[in-house]
Amino acid sequence: MLYQVYETQRTLMEPFVDFAQAAAKLYSNPSSPIAKNPLVQRIAAGYELIYRMGKDYERPVFGIQNIIDGDVEIAIHERVEIDKPFCELRRFKRFTDDSATLNYLKDQPAVLIVAPLSGHYATLLRDTVKTMLKDHKVYITDWKNARLVPLSDGEFHLDDYVNYVQEFIKHLQGKYGNCHVISVCQPTVPVFAAISLMATRGETTPLSMTMMGGPIDARKSPTAVNNLAMNKPYSWFENNVIYRVPSNFPGVGRRVYPGFLQHTGFVAMNPSNHAKSHFDFFKDLVKGDDASAEVHRTFYNEYNAVLDMDADYYLETIDVVFQQFKLVNGTWDVKSTSGKMERVKPGDIKTTRVMTVEGELDDISGSGQTEAALDMCTGVPAGHKKHFEAKGAGHYGIFSGRRWRELVYPAVKAFILEANKSLNKPVAQSARVQAAPKKLALAKPVAKPIAKPASKPVAKPLVKAVAKRAPAKAARSK
């Protein structure tokens, strides 16, 4: 019933929100006669603040059109490679007609970024993707809003999440011989399970696995988020935060954890900070500080855009990760696509290098929660395991912003490059360390990476029309 009440409220508020938007434009337009009024900036700022607090925030776009590599501009074309009922595997394909840059790009490591399914869209990792595109072939999981998924597409469980990750990993292995996986926050647990199960079956596992700010062992340094999940009984979540999608959405009748409830929880964690941020936004509008106002808009366009999560997935995550701690206790069984129950055994991972990343000031995944994965990987040599703590970084700082770009990314990049060297070993040598040699068909040797020239030739004109499915003949891509 709460979901229906919420949507009814939004429908009733829509005319007032539209009026506030129109009034803000009217009073802020310098060509308007009333713009000469000395109080007009305050009125316009007030209306825009009302508009932004009441508007509905849709899924943002990644909007990555190009990146700059030295003197060369590389065009980016975003496309969906695999479309699943609850997730899209999205690729950011790079285009250039500069031959030296093309040779450098084609042998760079392929990386699967597994974005969190915890309320926000994958676009929250826009900075992560844009930074990594300079040195990697980048793919990302783009999770869908459950209220837009019809009931005819079935349910979505935590087991399905694990199976999706395995399918995406195998897709990249089939194209590139192997790949690297990065998981941010929530997906660290299902990604850890997915790779563990692949290792147990004797399948080829990714060259490296980087886990960033995730609740591998939520018992360590529990945060406010952890305490809520651990101290409330399972029945409380089922009875208080699960609702059915109203009739005005394709997923009508689906049981979900609504995004607006998740968003309310986000804001409730730091209400004074959000209140101050909105007041500062009002003052910036009054002062005419457009740059600062735009920073506020950009942040909250992302922060306020939330999605619904399928109830089965959400409740199982609460139970497995935060209440029974099945991963660290060694009691987690996952149903495969064939219907077989398989035990998650991280100790079976042997050929995948493992890196954990934590933020010194992380208030969502506490200190030691992610690093716990290293002790669980008993089959991985000590020299192939690494932990990195980003000094002064909070939760978002480990994958977005200055600290991500200047502290975390260089360490992650070096770790991936070191792990990628093993892709060049002869298959016969790799077979000695794999549990089942017959699975090594995916791990074909590839050409040794070509060193990036110290000084590249002057860039040729770029092919700008990247939106076309078939680029011009002069353009080659990787």
Protein backbone atom coordinates (compact mmCIF):
# COMPACT_ATOMS: atom_id res chain seq x y z
CA MET A 1 0.00 0.00 0.00
CA LEU A 2 2.88 2.39 0.77
CA TYR A 3 4.14 2.22 -2.81
CA GLN A 4 0.71 3.21 -4.16
CA VAL A 5 0.50 6.10 -1.68
CA TYR A 6 3.95 7.29 -2.72
CA GLU A 7 3.11 7.23 -6.43
CA THR A 8 -0.21 9.00 -5.81
CA GLN A 9 1.62 11.72 -3.92
CA ARG A 10 4.10 12.16 -6.76
CA THR A 11 1.26 12.41 -9.27
CA LEU A 12 -0.49 15.08 -7.21
CA MET A 13 2.75 17.01 -6.77
CA GLU A 14 3.69 16.96 -10.46
CA PRO A 15 1.76 20.14 -11.47
CA PHE A 16 3.39 22.10 -8.63
CA VAL A 17 6.83 20.79 -9.57
CA ASP A 18 6.28 21.82 -13.20
CA PHE A 19 5.11 25.26 -12.05
CA ALA A 20 8.22 25.67 -9.87
CA GLN A 21 10.43 24.80 -12.84
CA ALA A 22 8.68 27.30 -15.10
CA ALA A 23 8.79 30.02 -12.44
CA ALA A 24 12.51 29.45 -11.83
CA LYS A 25 13.21 29.92 -15.54
CA LEU A 26 10.99 32.98 -15.74
CA TYR A 27 12.61 34.78 -12.82
CA SER A 28 16.16 33.82 -13.78
CA ASN A 29 15.86 34.87 -17.43
CA PRO A 30 17.80 38.13 -17.85
CA SER A 31 15.51 39.12 -20.75
CA SER A 32 12.44 39.08 -18.50
CA PRO A 33 11.21 42.55 -17.34
CA ILE A 34 10.76 41.27 -13.79
CA ALA A 35 14.43 40.27 -13.67
CA LYS A 36 15.22 43.89 -12.68
CA ASN A 37 13.61 43.34 -9.28
CA PRO A 38 16.35 43.22 -6.59
CA LEU A 39 14.77 40.14 -4.95
CA VAL A 40 14.30 38.21 -8.18
CA GLN A 41 17.42 36.04 -7.74
CA ARG A 42 16.19 34.82 -4.36
CA ILE A 43 12.76 34.03 -5.80
CA ALA A 44 14.27 32.16 -8.75
CA ALA A 45 16.61 30.23 -6.44
CA GLY A 46 13.75 29.25 -4.17
CA TYR A 47 11.66 27.97 -7.06
CA GLU A 48 14.55 25.94 -8.48
CA LEU A 49 15.21 24.41 -5.08
CA ILE A 50 11.52 23.41 -4.81
CA TYR A 51 11.66 21.96 -8.31
CA ARG A 52 14.75 19.88 -7.65
CA MET A 53 13.45 18.55 -4.33
CA GLY A 54 10.14 17.51 -5.87
CA LYS A 55 11.08 16.29 -9.35
CA ASP A 56 11.34 12.65 -10.37
CA TYR A 57 14.92 11.58 -11.17
CA GLU A 58 15.26 9.19 -14.10
CA ARG A 59 18.21 6.90 -14.83
CA PRO A 60 21.21 9.08 -15.77
CA VAL A 61 23.35 8.35 -18.82
CA PHE A 62 27.06 7.58 -18.76
CA GLY A 63 27.65 10.30 -21.33
CA ILE A 64 31.26 9.32 -22.04
CA GLN A 65 31.79 10.56 -25.59
CA ASN A 66 35.59 10.53 -25.75
CA ILE A 67 38.80 10.32 -23.78
CA ILE A 68 42.18 11.99 -24.38
CA ASP A 69 45.30 9.83 -24.60
CA GLY A 70 48.31 12.08 -25.04
CA ASP A 71 47.69 14.04 -28.25
CA VAL A 72 45.01 11.68 -29.49
CA GLU A 73 41.28 11.96 -28.86
CA ILE A 74 39.68 8.51 -28.68
CA ALA A 75 35.98 8.32 -29.44
CA ILE A 76 33.80 6.10 -27.23
CA HIS A 77 30.77 4.18 -28.43
CA GLU A 78 28.57 2.70 -25.70
CA ARG A 79 26.64 -0.44 -26.58
CA VAL A 80 24.89 -3.42 -24.98
CA GLU A 81 26.55 -6.78 -25.68
CA ILE A 82 24.35 -9.05 -23.54
CA ASP A 83 20.79 -8.20 -22.53
CA LYS A 84 19.46 -10.23 -19.61
CA PRO A 85 16.04 -9.74 -17.95
CA PHE A 86 17.57 -7.92 -14.96
CA CYS A 87 20.90 -6.69 -16.31
CA GLU A 88 22.73 -5.49 -19.40
CA LEU A 89 26.39 -6.12 -20.07
CA ARG A 90 27.47 -2.75 -21.42
CA ARG A 91 30.67 -2.21 -23.40
CA PHE A 92 32.52 1.05 -24.03
CA LYS A 93 34.13 0.49 -27.40
CA ARG A 94 37.01 2.75 -28.33
CA PHE A 95 37.54 4.16 -31.84
CA THR A 96 40.57 5.83 -33.41
CA ASP A 97 42.19 6.07 -36.84
CA ASP A 98 45.64 6.74 -35.37
CA SER A 99 47.61 3.57 -36.12
CA ALA A 100 50.12 3.92 -33.28
CA THR A 101 47.34 4.40 -30.73
CA LEU A 102 45.34 1.54 -32.24
CA ASN A 103 48.24 -0.88 -31.83
CA TYR A 104 48.62 0.24 -28.23
CA LEU A 105 44.91 -0.15 -27.45
CA LYS A 106 44.31 -3.56 -28.97
CA ASP A 107 46.48 -5.50 -26.50
CA GLN A 108 45.30 -3.75 -23.34
CA PRO A 109 43.62 -5.90 -20.65
CA ALA A 110 39.88 -6.54 -20.74
CA VAL A 111 38.16 -5.60 -17.49
CA LEU A 112 34.67 -6.45 -16.26
CA ILE A 113 33.44 -3.88 -13.72
CA VAL A 114 30.62 -5.31 -11.63
CA ALA A 115 28.53 -2.37 -10.44
CA PRO A 116 26.52 -2.55 -7.22
CA LEU A 117 22.85 -3.49 -7.20
CA SER A 118 22.06 -1.62 -4.00
CA GLY A 119 19.75 1.24 -4.93
CA HIS A 120 21.68 3.38 -7.40
CA TYR A 121 22.33 2.86 -11.10
CA ALA A 122 25.64 1.74 -12.59
CA THR A 123 26.21 5.33 -13.76
CA LEU A 124 27.40 5.97 -10.20
CA LEU A 125 30.67 4.44 -11.46
CA ARG A 126 30.98 6.86 -14.39
CA ASP A 127 34.30 8.20 -13.09
CA THR A 128 35.57 4.65 -12.58
CA VAL A 129 34.76 3.75 -16.19
CA LYS A 130 36.15 6.93 -17.71
CA THR A 131 39.45 6.62 -15.85
CA MET A 132 39.93 2.95 -16.75
CA LEU A 133 39.15 3.45 -20.43
CA LYS A 134 42.61 4.96 -21.02
CA ASP A 135 44.32 1.67 -20.23
CA HIS A 136 41.70 -1.09 -20.52
CA LYS A 137 38.89 -2.56 -22.58
CA VAL A 138 35.98 -1.81 -20.26
CA TYR A 139 32.69 -3.64 -19.68
CA ILE A 140 30.19 -2.94 -16.89
CA THR A 141 27.08 -4.57 -15.47
CA ASP A 142 24.16 -2.18 -15.85
CA TRP A 143 21.40 -3.45 -13.53
CA LYS A 144 17.79 -2.77 -14.46
CA ASN A 145 15.06 -1.22 -12.34
CA ALA A 146 12.99 -4.19 -11.12
CA ARG A 147 9.73 -2.25 -11.43
CA LEU A 148 10.29 -2.18 -15.20
CA VAL A 149 10.78 -5.96 -15.47
CA PRO A 150 7.49 -7.82 -16.20
CA LEU A 151 6.54 -10.73 -13.95
CA SER A 152 6.71 -12.96 -17.03
CA ASP A 153 10.52 -12.61 -16.91
CA GLY A 154 10.60 -14.54 -13.65
CA GLU A 155 12.17 -13.89 -10.27
CA PHE A 156 15.66 -12.70 -9.48
CA HIS A 157 17.62 -14.31 -6.66
CA LEU A 158 21.12 -13.86 -5.27
CA ASP A 159 21.97 -17.13 -7.04
CA ASP A 160 20.92 -15.53 -10.34
CA TYR A 161 23.27 -12.64 -9.64
CA VAL A 162 26.15 -15.09 -9.22
CA ASN A 163 25.19 -16.90 -12.43
CA TYR A 164 24.99 -13.62 -14.37
CA VAL A 165 28.52 -12.72 -13.29
CA GLN A 166 29.85 -16.10 -14.42
CA GLU A 167 28.15 -15.72 -17.80
CA PHE A 168 29.68 -12.27 -18.30
CA ILE A 169 33.15 -13.49 -17.29
CA LYS A 170 32.95 -16.38 -19.77
CA HIS A 171 31.80 -13.97 -22.48
CA LEU A 172 34.95 -11.88 -22.04
CA GLN A 173 37.14 -14.99 -21.81
CA GLY A 174 35.74 -16.18 -25.11
CA LYS A 175 36.66 -12.88 -26.79
CA TYR A 176 40.02 -12.12 -25.21
CA GLY A 177 41.37 -15.38 -23.80
CA ASN A 178 40.76 -14.15 -20.26
CA CYS A 179 39.86 -11.02 -18.33
CA HIS A 180 40.08 -9.15 -15.04
CA VAL A 181 37.18 -8.44 -12.69
CA ILE A 182 36.61 -5.41 -10.45
CA SER A 183 33.71 -5.38 -7.99
CA VAL A 184 32.66 -2.26 -6.09
CA CYS A 185 30.85 -2.50 -2.73
CA GLN A 186 27.85 -4.87 -2.76
CA PRO A 187 28.97 -7.16 -5.64
CA THR A 188 32.21 -8.15 -3.90
CA VAL A 189 30.32 -11.03 -2.25
CA PRO A 190 28.56 -12.52 -5.33
CA VAL A 191 31.67 -11.96 -7.49
CA PHE A 192 33.80 -13.77 -4.92
CA ALA A 193 31.27 -16.62 -4.99
CA ALA A 194 31.13 -16.72 -8.80
CA ILE A 195 34.90 -17.05 -9.20
CA SER A 196 35.13 -19.55 -6.34
CA LEU A 197 32.55 -21.79 -8.01
CA MET A 198 34.36 -21.57 -11.34
CA ALA A 199 37.58 -22.63 -9.62
CA THR A 200 35.86 -25.53 -7.87
CA ARG A 201 34.53 -26.82 -11.20
CA GLY A 202 38.02 -26.59 -12.71
CA GLU A 203 37.05 -23.82 -15.10
CA THR A 204 39.43 -21.08 -16.16
CA THR A 205 39.13 -18.22 -13.69
CA PRO A 206 39.90 -14.52 -14.33
CA LEU A 207 43.50 -13.39 -14.20
CA SER A 208 42.76 -11.00 -11.35
CA MET A 209 39.95 -10.08 -8.99
CA THR A 210 39.87 -6.63 -7.36
CA MET A 211 37.33 -6.13 -4.57
CA MET A 212 36.67 -2.58 -3.42
CA GLY A 213 34.85 -1.53 -0.25
CA GLY A 214 32.60 -4.57 0.10
CA PRO A 215 31.10 -6.53 3.03
CA ILE A 216 33.04 -9.78 2.63
CA ASP A 217 32.99 -10.15 6.44
CA ALA A 218 30.44 -7.67 7.80
CA ARG A 219 31.28 -8.66 11.38
CA LYS A 220 34.49 -6.63 11.23
CA SER A 221 34.15 -2.93 12.19
CA PRO A 222 30.37 -2.88 11.62
CA THR A 223 28.96 0.42 10.37
CA ALA A 224 25.47 1.91 10.76
CA VAL A 225 24.45 0.19 7.52
CA ASN A 226 25.71 -3.16 8.79
CA ASN A 227 24.04 -2.74 12.18
CA LEU A 228 20.62 -2.20 10.64
CA ALA A 229 20.95 -5.35 8.55
CA MET A 230 22.36 -7.42 11.41
CA ASN A 231 20.16 -6.28 14.30
CA LYS A 232 16.73 -6.46 12.68
CA PRO A 233 15.29 -9.96 12.19
CA TYR A 234 14.76 -11.29 8.68
CA SER A 235 10.98 -11.10 9.19
CA TRP A 236 11.21 -7.37 9.92
CA PHE A 237 12.65 -6.67 6.47
CA GLU A 238 10.09 -8.90 4.79
CA ASN A 239 7.18 -7.22 6.58
CA ASN A 240 8.34 -3.59 6.52
CA VAL A 241 10.31 -2.82 3.36
CA ILE A 242 8.90 -5.16 0.71
CA TYR A 243 6.03 -3.91 -1.47
CA ARG A 244 4.42 -4.75 -4.79
CA VAL A 245 4.94 -2.58 -7.85
CA PRO A 246 1.85 -0.44 -8.66
CA SER A 247 -0.16 -0.82 -11.84
CA ASN A 248 1.45 2.09 -13.73
CA PHE A 249 4.72 0.21 -14.32
CA PRO A 250 5.59 -2.82 -16.53
CA GLY A 251 6.57 -4.83 -13.45
CA VAL A 252 3.14 -4.49 -11.86
CA GLY A 253 2.70 -7.00 -9.04
CA ARG A 254 6.42 -7.76 -8.60
CA ARG A 255 7.64 -7.82 -5.00
CA VAL A 256 10.43 -5.25 -4.62
CA TYR A 257 12.43 -3.21 -2.15
CA PRO A 258 11.44 0.23 -3.52
CA GLY A 259 14.16 2.67 -4.47
CA PHE A 260 12.45 5.56 -2.67
CA LEU A 261 12.78 3.68 0.63
CA GLN A 262 16.45 3.04 -0.04
CA HIS A 263 16.94 6.72 -0.88
CA THR A 264 15.25 7.73 2.37
CA GLY A 265 17.71 5.53 4.21
CA PHE A 266 20.65 7.13 2.40
CA VAL A 267 19.51 10.63 3.37
CA ALA A 268 18.72 9.60 6.95
CA MET A 269 22.35 8.59 7.48
CA ASN A 270 23.53 12.22 7.13
CA PRO A 271 20.49 14.53 7.12
CA SER A 272 22.40 17.61 8.29
CA ASN A 273 24.94 17.25 5.47
CA HIS A 274 22.19 17.10 2.86
CA ALA A 275 20.35 20.07 4.38
CA LYS A 276 23.55 22.12 4.31
CA SER A 277 24.24 21.07 0.73
CA HIS A 278 20.80 22.28 -0.41
CA PHE A 279 21.16 25.56 1.48
CA ASP A 280 24.58 26.11 -0.10
CA PHE A 281 22.98 25.43 -3.50
CA PHE A 282 20.38 28.13 -2.78
CA LYS A 283 23.12 30.62 -1.82
CA ASP A 284 25.15 29.78 -4.94
CA LEU A 285 22.10 30.52 -7.11
CA VAL A 286 21.54 33.84 -5.36
CA LYS A 287 25.21 34.78 -5.81
CA GLY A 288 25.16 33.70 -9.44
CA ASP A 289 27.85 31.07 -8.85
CA ASP A 290 26.81 28.84 -11.75
CA ALA A 291 29.84 26.54 -11.50
CA SER A 292 29.15 25.55 -7.89
CA ALA A 293 25.42 25.21 -8.57
CA GLU A 294 26.13 22.87 -11.48
CA VAL A 295 28.35 20.68 -9.28
CA HIS A 296 25.38 20.32 -6.91
CA ARG A 297 23.01 19.48 -9.76
CA THR A 298 25.37 16.88 -11.19
CA PHE A 299 25.85 15.13 -7.85
CA TYR A 300 22.17 15.00 -6.91
CA ASN A 301 21.06 13.99 -10.41
CA GLU A 302 23.00 10.79 -9.71
CA TYR A 303 22.35 10.48 -5.98
CA ASN A 304 18.57 10.93 -6.26
CA ALA A 305 18.18 8.49 -9.16
CA VAL A 306 17.34 5.16 -7.54
CA LEU A 307 15.96 1.81 -8.66
CA ASP A 308 13.82 -0.92 -7.15
CA MET A 309 15.42 -4.26 -6.27
CA ASP A 310 13.68 -7.62 -6.61
CA ALA A 311 12.54 -8.73 -3.15
CA ASP A 312 14.03 -12.24 -3.35
CA TYR A 313 17.49 -10.89 -4.18
CA TYR A 314 17.35 -8.22 -1.49
CA LEU A 315 16.13 -10.51 1.31
CA GLU A 316 18.61 -13.25 0.43
CA THR A 317 21.45 -10.71 0.52
CA ILE A 318 20.39 -9.65 4.02
CA ASP A 319 20.27 -13.28 5.14
CA VAL A 320 23.46 -14.58 3.48
CA VAL A 321 25.77 -11.58 3.92
CA PHE A 322 24.63 -9.78 7.07
CA GLN A 323 22.86 -12.30 9.26
CA GLN A 324 24.22 -15.80 8.71
CA PHE A 325 27.59 -14.73 7.24
CA LYS A 326 27.47 -17.79 5.02
CA LEU A 327 30.45 -16.80 2.88
CA VAL A 328 32.94 -16.51 5.73
CA ASN A 329 31.39 -19.47 7.59
CA GLY A 330 31.72 -21.72 4.53
CA THR A 331 28.02 -22.64 4.50
CA TRP A 332 26.84 -20.88 1.33
CA ASP A 333 25.31 -23.08 -1.36
CA VAL A 334 24.45 -21.51 -4.74
CA LYS A 335 22.07 -22.98 -7.30
CA SER A 336 23.69 -23.15 -10.75
CA THR A 337 21.88 -22.60 -14.04
CA SER A 338 21.42 -26.38 -14.25
CA GLY A 339 19.67 -26.43 -10.87
CA LYS A 340 22.54 -28.07 -8.99
CA MET A 341 23.44 -26.78 -5.52
CA GLU A 342 27.17 -25.98 -5.24
CA ARG A 343 29.14 -25.00 -2.14
CA VAL A 344 31.16 -21.75 -2.33
CA LYS A 345 34.81 -22.54 -1.50
CA PRO A 346 37.12 -19.52 -1.87
CA GLY A 347 40.08 -21.75 -0.97
CA ASP A 348 39.74 -23.43 -4.37
CA ILE A 349 40.86 -20.26 -6.15
CA LYS A 350 44.48 -20.78 -7.18
CA THR A 351 45.35 -18.97 -10.42
CA THR A 352 43.50 -15.68 -9.88
CA ARG A 353 45.41 -12.83 -8.26
CA VAL A 354 43.41 -11.07 -5.55
CA MET A 355 43.47 -7.42 -4.50
CA THR A 356 41.32 -5.72 -1.86
CA VAL A 357 40.80 -1.96 -1.57
CA GLU A 358 39.40 -0.09 1.42
CA GLY A 359 38.91 3.57 2.27
CA GLU A 360 40.37 4.82 5.51
CA LEU A 361 37.15 6.76 6.31
CA ASP A 362 34.62 4.37 4.78
CA ASP A 363 31.36 4.56 6.75
CA ILE A 364 29.52 1.92 4.70
CA SER A 365 31.98 -1.00 4.59
CA GLY A 366 34.13 -0.83 7.70
CA SER A 367 37.85 -1.42 8.02
CA GLY A 368 38.86 -5.04 7.48
CA GLN A 369 35.59 -6.18 5.90
CA THR A 370 37.01 -6.39 2.38
CA GLU A 371 40.53 -7.37 3.38
CA ALA A 372 39.08 -10.52 4.98
CA ALA A 373 38.90 -12.01 1.47
CA LEU A 374 42.69 -12.37 1.38
CA ASP A 375 42.73 -14.79 4.32
CA MET A 376 39.95 -16.81 2.70
CA CYS A 377 41.95 -17.28 -0.52
CA THR A 378 44.18 -19.96 0.98
CA GLY A 379 45.02 -21.42 -2.44
CA VAL A 380 46.44 -18.16 -3.80
CA PRO A 381 50.18 -17.61 -3.19
CA ALA A 382 50.96 -14.77 -0.79
CA GLY A 383 52.81 -12.90 -3.52
CA HIS A 384 49.66 -12.82 -5.61
CA LYS A 385 47.56 -11.14 -2.91
CA LYS A 386 47.56 -7.43 -2.16
CA HIS A 387 45.69 -5.00 0.08
CA PHE A 388 45.48 -1.24 -0.48
CA GLU A 389 44.06 1.34 1.92
CA ALA A 390 43.23 4.75 0.45
CA LYS A 391 44.20 7.34 3.05
CA GLY A 392 41.59 10.02 3.62
CA ALA A 393 39.05 8.32 1.34
CA GLY A 394 35.47 7.59 2.27
CA HIS A 395 33.30 4.99 0.57
CA TYR A 396 32.74 6.92 -2.66
CA GLY A 397 36.32 8.16 -2.70
CA ILE A 398 37.72 4.71 -3.51
CA PHE A 399 36.00 4.61 -6.91
CA SER A 400 35.22 8.23 -7.77
CA GLY A 401 36.90 11.60 -7.49
CA ARG A 402 40.44 12.81 -6.93
CA ARG A 403 41.52 10.10 -4.48
CA TRP A 404 40.30 7.39 -6.84
CA ARG A 405 42.22 8.88 -9.75
CA GLU A 406 45.39 9.76 -7.87
CA LEU A 407 45.67 7.04 -5.20
CA VAL A 408 43.54 4.01 -5.94
CA TYR A 409 43.61 3.76 -9.72
CA PRO A 410 47.43 3.70 -10.12
CA ALA A 411 47.60 0.79 -7.66
CA VAL A 412 44.77 -1.10 -9.38
CA LYS A 413 46.26 -0.46 -12.83
CA ALA A 414 49.66 -1.81 -11.78
CA PHE A 415 48.06 -4.86 -10.18
CA ILE A 416 46.09 -5.69 -13.35
CA LEU A 417 49.15 -5.22 -15.59
CA GLU A 418 51.20 -7.58 -13.44
CA ALA A 419 48.44 -10.19 -13.47
CA ASN A 420 47.96 -9.80 -17.22
CA LYS A 421 51.51 -11.03 -17.88
CA SER A 422 50.38 -14.58 -17.13
CA LEU A 423 48.09 -14.43 -20.18
CA ASN A 424 51.22 -14.61 -22.35
CA LYS A 425 52.45 -17.90 -20.89
CA PRO A 426 52.25 -20.93 -23.19
CA VAL A 427 49.13 -23.01 -22.69
CA ALA A 428 51.22 -26.04 -21.73
CA GLN A 429 52.77 -24.13 -18.84
CA SER A 430 49.41 -22.78 -17.67
CA ALA A 431 47.95 -26.28 -17.78
CA ARG A 432 50.24 -27.38 -14.95
CA VAL A 433 48.42 -25.08 -12.52
CA GLN A 434 44.86 -25.57 -13.71
CA ALA A 435 42.62 -28.14 -12.09
CA ALA A 436 41.09 -29.27 -15.39
CA PRO A 437 43.25 -28.79 -18.52
CA LYS A 438 40.35 -29.52 -20.83
CA LYS A 439 38.87 -26.14 -19.88
CA LEU A 440 41.92 -24.24 -21.11
CA ALA A 441 40.50 -23.67 -24.56
CA LEU A 442 39.49 -20.21 -23.40
CA ALA A 443 43.00 -19.29 -22.32
CA LYS A 444 44.66 -18.94 -25.72
CA PRO A 445 48.04 -17.22 -25.83
CA VAL A 446 47.95 -13.77 -27.36
CA ALA A 447 50.57 -11.51 -28.79
CA LYS A 448 52.93 -9.80 -26.36
CA PRO A 449 51.63 -6.28 -25.59
CA ILE A 450 53.26 -3.64 -27.72
CA ALA A 451 54.98 -0.95 -25.70
CA LYS A 452 53.34 2.44 -25.93
CA PRO A 453 55.63 4.79 -27.90
CA ALA A 454 57.16 7.61 -25.89
CA SER A 455 56.27 10.11 -28.57
CA LYS A 456 53.31 9.43 -30.79
CA PRO A 457 52.89 10.95 -34.25
CA VAL A 458 50.55 13.85 -34.67
CA ALA A 459 47.00 12.55 -34.57
CA LYS A 460 45.15 12.17 -37.83
CA PRO A 461 41.60 13.54 -38.10
CA LEU A 462 39.22 11.47 -35.98
CA VAL A 463 36.15 9.71 -37.17
CA LYS A 464 33.48 11.60 -35.22
CA ALA A 465 30.40 9.66 -36.20
CA VAL A 466 30.73 7.00 -33.54
CA ALA A 467 26.98 6.70 -33.14
CA LYS A 468 26.79 4.73 -36.37
CA ARG A 469 26.91 0.98 -36.07
CA ALA A 470 29.39 0.74 -38.99
CA PRO A 471 32.24 3.30 -38.74
CA ALA A 472 33.88 4.76 -41.81
CA LYS A 473 36.39 2.56 -43.58
CA ALA A 474 39.26 4.73 -42.43
CA ALA A 475 38.47 4.03 -38.79
CA ARG A 476 39.56 0.89 -37.02
CA SER A 477 38.45 0.02 -33.52
CA LYS A 478 39.31 -1.90 -30.41
